[in-house]
PDB file of all heavy atoms in Angstrom:
ATOM      1  N   TRP A   1      62.037  23.021   8.651  1.00  0.00           N
ATOM      2  CA  TRP A   1      61.195  22.663   9.818  1.00  0.00           C
ATOM      3  C   TRP A   1      61.812  21.321  10.325  1.00  0.00           C
ATOM      4  O   TRP A   1      61.845  21.150  11.565  1.00  0.00           O
ATOM      5  CB  TRP A   1      59.735  22.449   9.489  1.00  0.00           C
ATOM      6  CG  TRP A   1      58.942  21.901  10.438  1.00  0.00           C
ATOM      7  CD1 TRP A   1      58.372  22.491  11.643  1.00  0.00           C
ATOM      8  CD2 TRP A   1      58.524  20.464  10.509  1.00  0.00           C
ATOM      9  NE1 TRP A   1      57.726  21.504  12.330  1.00  0.00           N
ATOM     10  CE2 TRP A   1      57.834  20.328  11.702  1.00  0.00           C
ATOM     11  CE3 TRP A   1      58.785  19.340   9.620  1.00  0.00           C
ATOM     12  CZ2 TRP A   1      57.252  19.097  12.117  1.00  0.00           C
ATOM     13  CZ3 TRP A   1      58.253  18.167  10.105  1.00  0.00           C
ATOM     14  CH2 TRP A   1      57.506  18.058  11.209  1.00  0.00           C
ATOM     15  N   GLY A   2      62.103  20.343   9.443  1.00  0.00           N
ATOM     16  CA  GLY A   2      62.651  19.060   9.927  1.00  0.00           C
ATOM     17  C   GLY A   2      64.007  19.326  10.690  1.00  0.00           C
ATOM     18  O   GLY A   2      64.230  18.635  11.853  1.00  0.00           O
ATOM     19  N   GLY A   3      64.775  20.270  10.327  1.00  0.00           N
ATOM     20  CA  GLY A   3      65.971  20.525  11.034  1.00  0.00           C
ATOM     21  C   GLY A   3      65.699  21.171  12.329  1.00  0.00           C
ATOM     22  O   GLY A   3      66.352  20.852  13.407  1.00  0.00           O
ATOM     23  N   ALA A   4      64.706  22.048  12.368  1.00  0.00           N
ATOM     24  CA  ALA A   4      64.315  22.639  13.707  1.00  0.00           C
ATOM     25  C   ALA A   4      63.742  21.493  14.598  1.00  0.00           C
ATOM     26  O   ALA A   4      64.008  21.576  15.905  1.00  0.00           O
ATOM     27  CB  ALA A   4      63.328  23.816  13.433  1.00  0.00           C
ATOM     28  N   LEU A   5      63.014  20.676  14.053  1.00  0.00           N
ATOM     29  CA  LEU A   5      62.440  19.543  14.875  1.00  0.00           C
ATOM     30  C   LEU A   5      63.574  18.712  15.503  1.00  0.00           C
ATOM     31  O   LEU A   5      63.502  18.399  16.703  1.00  0.00           O
ATOM     32  CB  LEU A   5      61.542  18.686  14.013  1.00  0.00           C
ATOM     33  CG  LEU A   5      60.851  17.537  14.823  1.00  0.00           C
ATOM     34  CD1 LEU A   5      59.800  18.103  15.726  1.00  0.00           C
ATOM     35  CD2 LEU A   5      60.157  16.639  13.702  1.00  0.00           C
ATOM     36  N   SER A   6      64.636  18.447  14.619  1.00  0.00           N
ATOM     37  CA  SER A   6      65.723  17.698  15.126  1.00  0.00           C
ATOM     38  C   SER A   6      66.473  18.489  16.194  1.00  0.00           C
ATOM     39  O   SER A   6      66.841  17.854  17.289  1.00  0.00           O
ATOM     40  CB  SER A   6      66.654  17.385  14.001  1.00  0.00           C
ATOM     41  OG  SER A   6      67.815  16.598  14.478  1.00  0.00           O
ATOM     42  N   ASP A   7      66.583  19.687  16.081  1.00  0.00           N
ATOM     43  CA  ASP A   7      67.200  20.607  17.179  1.00  0.00           C
ATOM     44  C   ASP A   7      66.359  20.501  18.440  1.00  0.00           C
ATOM     45  O   ASP A   7      66.956  20.516  19.514  1.00  0.00           O
ATOM     46  CB  ASP A   7      67.349  22.036  16.735  1.00  0.00           C
ATOM     47  CG  ASP A   7      68.472  22.157  15.604  1.00  0.00           C
ATOM     48  OD1 ASP A   7      69.327  21.232  15.445  1.00  0.00           O
ATOM     49  OD2 ASP A   7      68.456  23.183  14.884  1.00  0.00           O
ATOM     50  N   ARG A   8      65.117  20.547  18.247  1.00  0.00           N
ATOM     51  CA  ARG A   8      64.252  20.668  19.418  1.00  0.00           C
ATOM     52  C   ARG A   8      64.099  19.305  20.168  1.00  0.00           C
ATOM     53  O   ARG A   8      64.160  19.142  21.439  1.00  0.00           O
ATOM     54  CB  ARG A   8      62.806  21.137  19.059  1.00  0.00           C
ATOM     55  CG  ARG A   8      61.909  21.538  20.235  1.00  0.00           C
ATOM     56  CD  ARG A   8      60.648  22.275  19.770  1.00  0.00           C
ATOM     57  NE  ARG A   8      59.931  21.766  18.636  1.00  0.00           N
ATOM     58  CZ  ARG A   8      59.958  22.222  17.364  1.00  0.00           C
ATOM     59  NH1 ARG A   8      60.749  23.274  17.116  1.00  0.00           N
ATOM     60  NH2 ARG A   8      59.269  21.679  16.412  1.00  0.00           N
ATOM     61  N   LEU A   9      63.893  18.174  19.449  1.00  0.00           N
ATOM     62  CA  LEU A   9      63.722  16.834  19.928  1.00  0.00           C
ATOM     63  C   LEU A   9      65.068  16.071  20.130  1.00  0.00           C
ATOM     64  O   LEU A   9      65.035  15.245  20.946  1.00  0.00           O
ATOM     65  CB  LEU A   9      62.830  16.108  19.095  1.00  0.00           C
ATOM     66  CG  LEU A   9      61.320  16.535  18.809  1.00  0.00           C
ATOM     67  CD1 LEU A   9      60.696  15.625  17.942  1.00  0.00           C
ATOM     68  CD2 LEU A   9      60.610  16.746  20.160  1.00  0.00           C
ATOM     69  N   GLY A  10      65.972  16.370  19.328  1.00  0.00           N
ATOM     70  CA  GLY A  10      67.199  15.557  19.314  1.00  0.00           C
ATOM     71  C   GLY A  10      67.092  14.687  18.074  1.00  0.00           C
ATOM     72  O   GLY A  10      66.047  14.350  17.631  1.00  0.00           O
ATOM     73  N   PRO A  11      68.277  14.159  17.593  1.00  0.00           N
ATOM     74  CA  PRO A  11      68.242  13.546  16.358  1.00  0.00           C
ATOM     75  C   PRO A  11      67.528  12.225  16.344  1.00  0.00           C
ATOM     76  O   PRO A  11      66.808  11.815  15.467  1.00  0.00           O
ATOM     77  CB  PRO A  11      69.643  13.325  15.897  1.00  0.00           C
ATOM     78  CG  PRO A  11      70.462  13.640  17.203  1.00  0.00           C
ATOM     79  CD  PRO A  11      69.730  14.430  18.080  1.00  0.00           C
ATOM     80  N   SER A  12      67.658  11.355  17.467  1.00  0.00           N
ATOM     81  CA  SER A  12      67.013  10.065  17.434  1.00  0.00           C
ATOM     82  C   SER A  12      65.461  10.100  17.458  1.00  0.00           C
ATOM     83  O   SER A  12      64.863   9.589  16.649  1.00  0.00           O
ATOM     84  CB  SER A  12      67.468   9.237  18.656  1.00  0.00           C
ATOM     85  OG  SER A  12      68.827   8.826  18.477  1.00  0.00           O
ATOM     86  N   PRO A  13      64.856  10.935  18.294  1.00  0.00           N
ATOM     87  CA  PRO A  13      63.455  11.125  18.183  1.00  0.00           C
ATOM     88  C   PRO A  13      62.949  11.668  16.922  1.00  0.00           C
ATOM     89  O   PRO A  13      61.912  11.211  16.318  1.00  0.00           O
ATOM     90  CB  PRO A  13      63.063  12.094  19.401  1.00  0.00           C
ATOM     91  CG  PRO A  13      64.212  11.952  20.280  1.00  0.00           C
ATOM     92  CD  PRO A  13      65.396  11.666  19.493  1.00  0.00           C
ATOM     93  N   ALA A  14      63.728  12.602  16.320  1.00  0.00           N
ATOM     94  CA  ALA A  14      63.328  13.102  15.014  1.00  0.00           C
ATOM     95  C   ALA A  14      63.479  12.079  13.926  1.00  0.00           C
ATOM     96  O   ALA A  14      62.547  11.957  13.101  1.00  0.00           O
ATOM     97  CB  ALA A  14      64.152  14.313  14.660  1.00  0.00           C
ATOM     98  N   LEU A  15      64.447  11.203  14.020  1.00  0.00           N
ATOM     99  CA  LEU A  15      64.571  10.109  13.029  1.00  0.00           C
ATOM    100  C   LEU A  15      63.499   9.163  13.171  1.00  0.00           C
ATOM    101  O   LEU A  15      63.042   8.538  12.139  1.00  0.00           O
ATOM    102  CB  LEU A  15      66.010   9.439  13.160  1.00  0.00           C
ATOM    103  CG  LEU A  15      67.138  10.234  12.553  1.00  0.00           C
ATOM    104  CD1 LEU A  15      68.447   9.476  12.840  1.00  0.00           C
ATOM    105  CD2 LEU A  15      66.998  10.456  11.072  1.00  0.00           C
ATOM    106  N   ARG A  16      63.095   8.839  14.437  1.00  0.00           N
ATOM    107  CA  ARG A  16      62.042   7.915  14.591  1.00  0.00           C
ATOM    108  C   ARG A  16      60.755   8.518  13.933  1.00  0.00           C
ATOM    109  O   ARG A  16      60.029   7.778  13.263  1.00  0.00           O
ATOM    110  CB  ARG A  16      61.744   7.569  16.108  1.00  0.00           C
ATOM    111  CG  ARG A  16      62.769   6.649  16.612  1.00  0.00           C
ATOM    112  CD  ARG A  16      62.406   6.090  18.006  1.00  0.00           C
ATOM    113  NE  ARG A  16      62.491   7.032  19.042  1.00  0.00           N
ATOM    114  CZ  ARG A  16      63.652   7.429  19.655  1.00  0.00           C
ATOM    115  NH1 ARG A  16      64.795   6.728  19.297  1.00  0.00           N
ATOM    116  NH2 ARG A  16      63.741   8.190  20.512  1.00  0.00           N
ATOM    117  N   PHE A  17      60.419   9.813  14.203  1.00  0.00           N
ATOM    118  CA  PHE A  17      59.341  10.460  13.565  1.00  0.00           C
ATOM    119  C   PHE A  17      59.398  10.400  12.073  1.00  0.00           C
ATOM    120  O   PHE A  17      58.439  10.052  11.437  1.00  0.00           O
ATOM    121  CB  PHE A  17      59.144  11.887  14.055  1.00  0.00           C
ATOM    122  CG  PHE A  17      58.145  12.643  13.427  1.00  0.00           C
ATOM    123  CD1 PHE A  17      56.855  12.537  13.790  1.00  0.00           C
ATOM    124  CD2 PHE A  17      58.498  13.484  12.324  1.00  0.00           C
ATOM    125  CE1 PHE A  17      55.745  13.319  13.144  1.00  0.00           C
ATOM    126  CE2 PHE A  17      57.449  14.248  11.606  1.00  0.00           C
ATOM    127  CZ  PHE A  17      56.127  14.139  12.091  1.00  0.00           C
ATOM    128  N   GLY A  18      60.531  10.709  11.532  1.00  0.00           N
ATOM    129  CA  GLY A  18      60.659  10.782   9.977  1.00  0.00           C
ATOM    130  C   GLY A  18      60.615   9.466   9.422  1.00  0.00           C
ATOM    131  O   GLY A  18      59.962   9.253   8.379  1.00  0.00           O
ATOM    132  N   THR A  19      61.271   8.421  10.049  1.00  0.00           N
ATOM    133  CA  THR A  19      61.017   7.168   9.488  1.00  0.00           C
ATOM    134  C   THR A  19      59.730   6.597   9.666  1.00  0.00           C
ATOM    135  O   THR A  19      59.206   5.842   8.682  1.00  0.00           O
ATOM    136  CB  THR A  19      62.073   6.183  10.218  1.00  0.00           C
ATOM    137  OG1 THR A  19      63.376   6.843  10.119  1.00  0.00           O
ATOM    138  CG2 THR A  19      62.107   4.773   9.673  1.00  0.00           C
ATOM    139  N   LEU A  20      59.066   6.847  10.640  1.00  0.00           N
ATOM    140  CA  LEU A  20      57.625   6.442  10.722  1.00  0.00           C
ATOM    141  C   LEU A  20      56.778   7.160   9.640  1.00  0.00           C
ATOM    142  O   LEU A  20      55.946   6.444   8.950  1.00  0.00           O
ATOM    143  CB  LEU A  20      57.029   6.808  12.122  1.00  0.00           C
ATOM    144  CG  LEU A  20      55.554   6.495  12.440  1.00  0.00           C
ATOM    145  CD1 LEU A  20      55.328   5.080  12.303  1.00  0.00           C
ATOM    146  CD2 LEU A  20      55.072   7.065  13.717  1.00  0.00           C
ATOM    147  N   ALA A  21      57.034   8.420   9.323  1.00  0.00           N
ATOM    148  CA  ALA A  21      56.276   9.044   8.273  1.00  0.00           C
ATOM    149  C   ALA A  21      56.634   8.428   7.024  1.00  0.00           C
ATOM    150  O   ALA A  21      55.675   8.235   6.112  1.00  0.00           O
ATOM    151  CB  ALA A  21      56.568  10.624   8.245  1.00  0.00           C
ATOM    152  N   GLY A  22      57.825   8.120   6.681  1.00  0.00           N
ATOM    153  CA  GLY A  22      58.272   7.404   5.500  1.00  0.00           C
ATOM    154  C   GLY A  22      57.541   6.034   5.337  1.00  0.00           C
ATOM    155  O   GLY A  22      57.071   5.722   4.282  1.00  0.00           O
ATOM    156  N   GLY A  23      57.534   5.286   6.562  1.00  0.00           N
ATOM    157  CA  GLY A  23      56.853   4.035   6.470  1.00  0.00           C
ATOM    158  C   GLY A  23      55.417   4.098   6.250  1.00  0.00           C
ATOM    159  O   GLY A  23      54.783   3.274   5.514  1.00  0.00           O
ATOM    160  N   LEU A  24      54.754   5.144   6.918  1.00  0.00           N
ATOM    161  CA  LEU A  24      53.304   5.269   6.634  1.00  0.00           C
ATOM    162  C   LEU A  24      52.943   5.700   5.272  1.00  0.00           C
ATOM    163  O   LEU A  24      52.033   5.307   4.675  1.00  0.00           O
ATOM    164  CB  LEU A  24      52.785   6.402   7.619  1.00  0.00           C
ATOM    165  CG  LEU A  24      52.748   5.955   9.164  1.00  0.00           C
ATOM    166  CD1 LEU A  24      52.306   7.126  10.002  1.00  0.00           C
ATOM    167  CD2 LEU A  24      51.763   4.771   9.275  1.00  0.00           C
ATOM    168  N   GLY A  25      53.847   6.611   4.651  1.00  0.00           N
ATOM    169  CA  GLY A  25      53.810   6.929   3.142  1.00  0.00           C
ATOM    170  C   GLY A  25      53.842   5.719   2.274  1.00  0.00           C
ATOM    171  O   GLY A  25      53.022   5.609   1.401  1.00  0.00           O
ATOM    172  N   THR A  26      54.804   4.876   2.709  1.00  0.00           N
ATOM    173  CA  THR A  26      54.962   3.613   1.874  1.00  0.00           C
ATOM    174  C   THR A  26      53.748   2.763   1.947  1.00  0.00           C
ATOM    175  O   THR A  26      53.216   2.268   0.926  1.00  0.00           O
ATOM    176  CB  THR A  26      56.230   2.771   2.424  1.00  0.00           C
ATOM    177  OG1 THR A  26      57.371   3.636   2.222  1.00  0.00           O
ATOM    178  CG2 THR A  26      56.408   1.469   1.648  1.00  0.00           C
ATOM    179  N   LEU A  27      53.163   2.564   3.171  1.00  0.00           N
ATOM    180  CA  LEU A  27      51.952   1.748   3.354  1.00  0.00           C
ATOM    181  C   LEU A  27      50.865   2.404   2.686  1.00  0.00           C
ATOM    182  O   LEU A  27      49.860   1.778   2.054  1.00  0.00           O
ATOM    183  CB  LEU A  27      51.652   1.538   4.804  1.00  0.00           C
ATOM    184  CG  LEU A  27      52.602   0.641   5.507  1.00  0.00           C
ATOM    185  CD1 LEU A  27      52.353   0.618   7.058  1.00  0.00           C
ATOM    186  CD2 LEU A  27      52.500  -0.790   5.009  1.00  0.00           C
ATOM    187  N   GLY A  28      50.753   3.778   2.728  1.00  0.00           N
ATOM    188  CA  GLY A  28      49.719   4.432   1.984  1.00  0.00           C
ATOM    189  C   GLY A  28      49.565   4.222   0.490  1.00  0.00           C
ATOM    190  O   GLY A  28      48.545   4.064  -0.104  1.00  0.00           O
ATOM    191  N   VAL A  29      50.852   4.215  -0.108  1.00  0.00           N
ATOM    192  CA  VAL A  29      50.852   3.972  -1.547  1.00  0.00           C
ATOM    193  C   VAL A  29      50.345   2.472  -1.816  1.00  0.00           C
ATOM    194  O   VAL A  29      49.630   2.179  -2.650  1.00  0.00           O
ATOM    195  CB  VAL A  29      52.254   4.225  -2.121  1.00  0.00           C
ATOM    196  CG1 VAL A  29      52.368   3.735  -3.596  1.00  0.00           C
ATOM    197  CG2 VAL A  29      52.584   5.645  -2.054  1.00  0.00           C
ATOM    198  N   LEU A  30      50.990   1.609  -0.945  1.00  0.00           N
ATOM    199  CA  LEU A  30      50.704   0.141  -1.119  1.00  0.00           C
ATOM    200  C   LEU A  30      49.118  -0.141  -1.000  1.00  0.00           C
ATOM    201  O   LEU A  30      48.654  -0.999  -1.753  1.00  0.00           O
ATOM    202  CB  LEU A  30      51.423  -0.701   0.077  1.00  0.00           C
ATOM    203  CG  LEU A  30      51.143  -2.146   0.094  1.00  0.00           C
ATOM    204  CD1 LEU A  30      51.661  -2.836  -1.126  1.00  0.00           C
ATOM    205  CD2 LEU A  30      51.897  -2.729   1.358  1.00  0.00           C
ATOM    206  N   LEU A  31      48.422   0.569  -0.090  1.00  0.00           N
ATOM    207  CA  LEU A  31      47.074   0.344   0.130  1.00  0.00           C
ATOM    208  C   LEU A  31      46.206   1.307  -0.500  1.00  0.00           C
ATOM    209  O   LEU A  31      44.922   1.214  -0.291  1.00  0.00           O
ATOM    210  CB  LEU A  31      46.726   0.305   1.653  1.00  0.00           C
ATOM    211  CG  LEU A  31      47.601  -0.718   2.474  1.00  0.00           C
ATOM    212  CD1 LEU A  31      47.446  -0.420   3.992  1.00  0.00           C
ATOM    213  CD2 LEU A  31      47.308  -2.115   2.136  1.00  0.00           C
ATOM    214  N   ALA A  32      46.673   2.182  -1.351  1.00  0.00           N
ATOM    215  CA  ALA A  32      45.844   3.198  -1.977  1.00  0.00           C
ATOM    216  C   ALA A  32      44.718   2.704  -2.842  1.00  0.00           C
ATOM    217  O   ALA A  32      45.023   1.748  -3.697  1.00  0.00           O
ATOM    218  CB  ALA A  32      46.726   4.153  -2.762  1.00  0.00           C
ATOM    219  N   PRO A  33      43.520   3.165  -2.671  1.00  0.00           N
ATOM    220  CA  PRO A  33      42.450   2.713  -3.609  1.00  0.00           C
ATOM    221  C   PRO A  33      42.415   3.568  -4.917  1.00  0.00           C
ATOM    222  O   PRO A  33      41.728   3.223  -5.800  1.00  0.00           O
ATOM    223  CB  PRO A  33      41.165   3.014  -2.742  1.00  0.00           C
ATOM    224  CG  PRO A  33      41.605   4.150  -1.918  1.00  0.00           C
ATOM    225  CD  PRO A  33      43.017   3.984  -1.632  1.00  0.00           C
ATOM    226  N   ASN A  34      43.121   4.702  -4.897  1.00  0.00           N
ATOM    227  CA  ASN A  34      43.104   5.566  -6.121  1.00  0.00           C
ATOM    228  C   ASN A  34      44.276   6.440  -6.241  1.00  0.00           C
ATOM    229  O   ASN A  34      44.958   6.513  -5.213  1.00  0.00           O
ATOM    230  CB  ASN A  34      41.790   6.428  -6.104  1.00  0.00           C
ATOM    231  CG  ASN A  34      41.546   7.181  -4.951  1.00  0.00           C
ATOM    232  OD1 ASN A  34      42.476   7.979  -4.568  1.00  0.00           O
ATOM    233  ND2 ASN A  34      40.462   7.066  -4.270  1.00  0.00           N
TER     234      ASN A  34
END
């Protein structure tokens, strides 16, 4: 699906989306209450 997203949006927008998701996941672990 990530490859299809990159094909549809182009690599730069897909990388922005993926990097944002990675960053949000990082913050989620950092701020996790449980």
